[in-house]
Amino acid sequence: MAYYEHLPIYKKAMEMAVYFENIVKNFSRYNKYTMGSELRTVSRDIVKLIIKANSAREKLPISIY
């Protein structure tokens, strides 16, 4: 299993997810359950996708344009 905790992009994504959690707390009630919910979900999805990409067995080579 590949480790992802050391990746700078993972660390920044986790910081972003925690940041959004704290910001959403201060939203109005309506926005907390509409925009806030979406912000929290998307920030968690980003973290999950980073973990999934790092854990993939077959990684595609990076192509530079």
Protein backbone atom coordinates (compact mmCIF):
# COMPACT_ATOMS: atom_id res chain seq x y z
CA MET A 1 0.00 0.00 0.00
CA ALA A 2 1.37 3.37 -0.97
CA TYR A 3 1.56 6.08 1.66
CA TYR A 4 -0.14 9.34 0.88
CA GLU A 5 0.26 11.23 4.16
CA HIS A 6 3.67 12.53 3.07
CA LEU A 7 2.41 14.07 -0.17
CA PRO A 8 2.29 17.89 -0.17
CA ILE A 9 -0.92 17.86 -2.22
CA TYR A 10 -2.59 15.58 0.34
CA LYS A 11 -1.53 17.85 3.18
CA LYS A 12 -2.88 20.94 1.41
CA ALA A 13 -6.14 19.15 0.53
CA MET A 14 -6.62 18.17 4.18
CA GLU A 15 -5.91 21.74 5.27
CA MET A 16 -8.49 22.93 2.75
CA ALA A 17 -11.09 20.43 4.01
CA VAL A 18 -10.56 21.52 7.63
CA TYR A 19 -10.66 25.18 6.55
CA PHE A 20 -14.02 24.68 4.82
CA GLU A 21 -15.41 22.84 7.85
CA ASN A 22 -14.53 25.82 10.04
CA ILE A 23 -15.81 28.41 7.57
CA VAL A 24 -19.13 26.64 7.03
CA LYS A 25 -19.82 26.80 10.78
CA ASN A 26 -20.25 30.57 10.41
CA PHE A 27 -22.60 30.43 7.42
CA SER A 28 -26.23 31.38 7.81
CA ARG A 29 -28.62 28.49 8.36
CA TYR A 30 -29.81 28.44 4.74
CA ASN A 31 -26.32 28.57 3.25
CA LYS A 32 -24.96 26.07 5.77
CA TYR A 33 -27.22 23.37 4.39
CA THR A 34 -26.95 24.29 0.71
CA MET A 35 -23.58 25.76 -0.23
CA GLY A 36 -21.88 24.59 2.96
CA SER A 37 -22.88 21.01 2.40
CA GLU A 38 -21.56 21.10 -1.14
CA LEU A 39 -18.26 22.72 -0.11
CA ARG A 40 -17.67 20.08 2.56
CA THR A 41 -18.55 17.22 0.21
CA VAL A 42 -16.32 18.45 -2.61
CA SER A 43 -13.36 19.08 -0.29
CA ARG A 44 -13.68 15.54 1.10
CA ASP A 45 -13.97 14.12 -2.42
CA ILE A 46 -10.71 15.81 -3.39
CA VAL A 47 -8.92 14.10 -0.50
CA LYS A 48 -10.47 10.74 -1.44
CA LEU A 49 -9.38 11.13 -5.07
CA ILE A 50 -5.80 11.93 -4.04
CA ILE A 51 -5.71 8.78 -1.92
CA LYS A 52 -7.21 6.72 -4.73
CA ALA A 53 -4.77 8.08 -7.32
CA ASN A 54 -1.78 7.46 -5.06
CA SER A 55 -2.94 3.91 -4.30
CA ALA A 56 -3.44 2.93 -7.94
CA ARG A 57 -1.19 0.12 -9.10
CA GLU A 58 -0.94 1.27 -12.68
CA LYS A 59 -0.01 4.91 -12.81
CA LEU A 60 -0.03 6.74 -16.08
CA PRO A 61 3.14 8.58 -17.06
CA ILE A 62 3.03 12.33 -16.73
CA SER A 63 2.91 14.03 -20.09
CA ILE A 64 4.21 17.56 -20.44
CA TYR A 65 2.72 19.58 -23.23
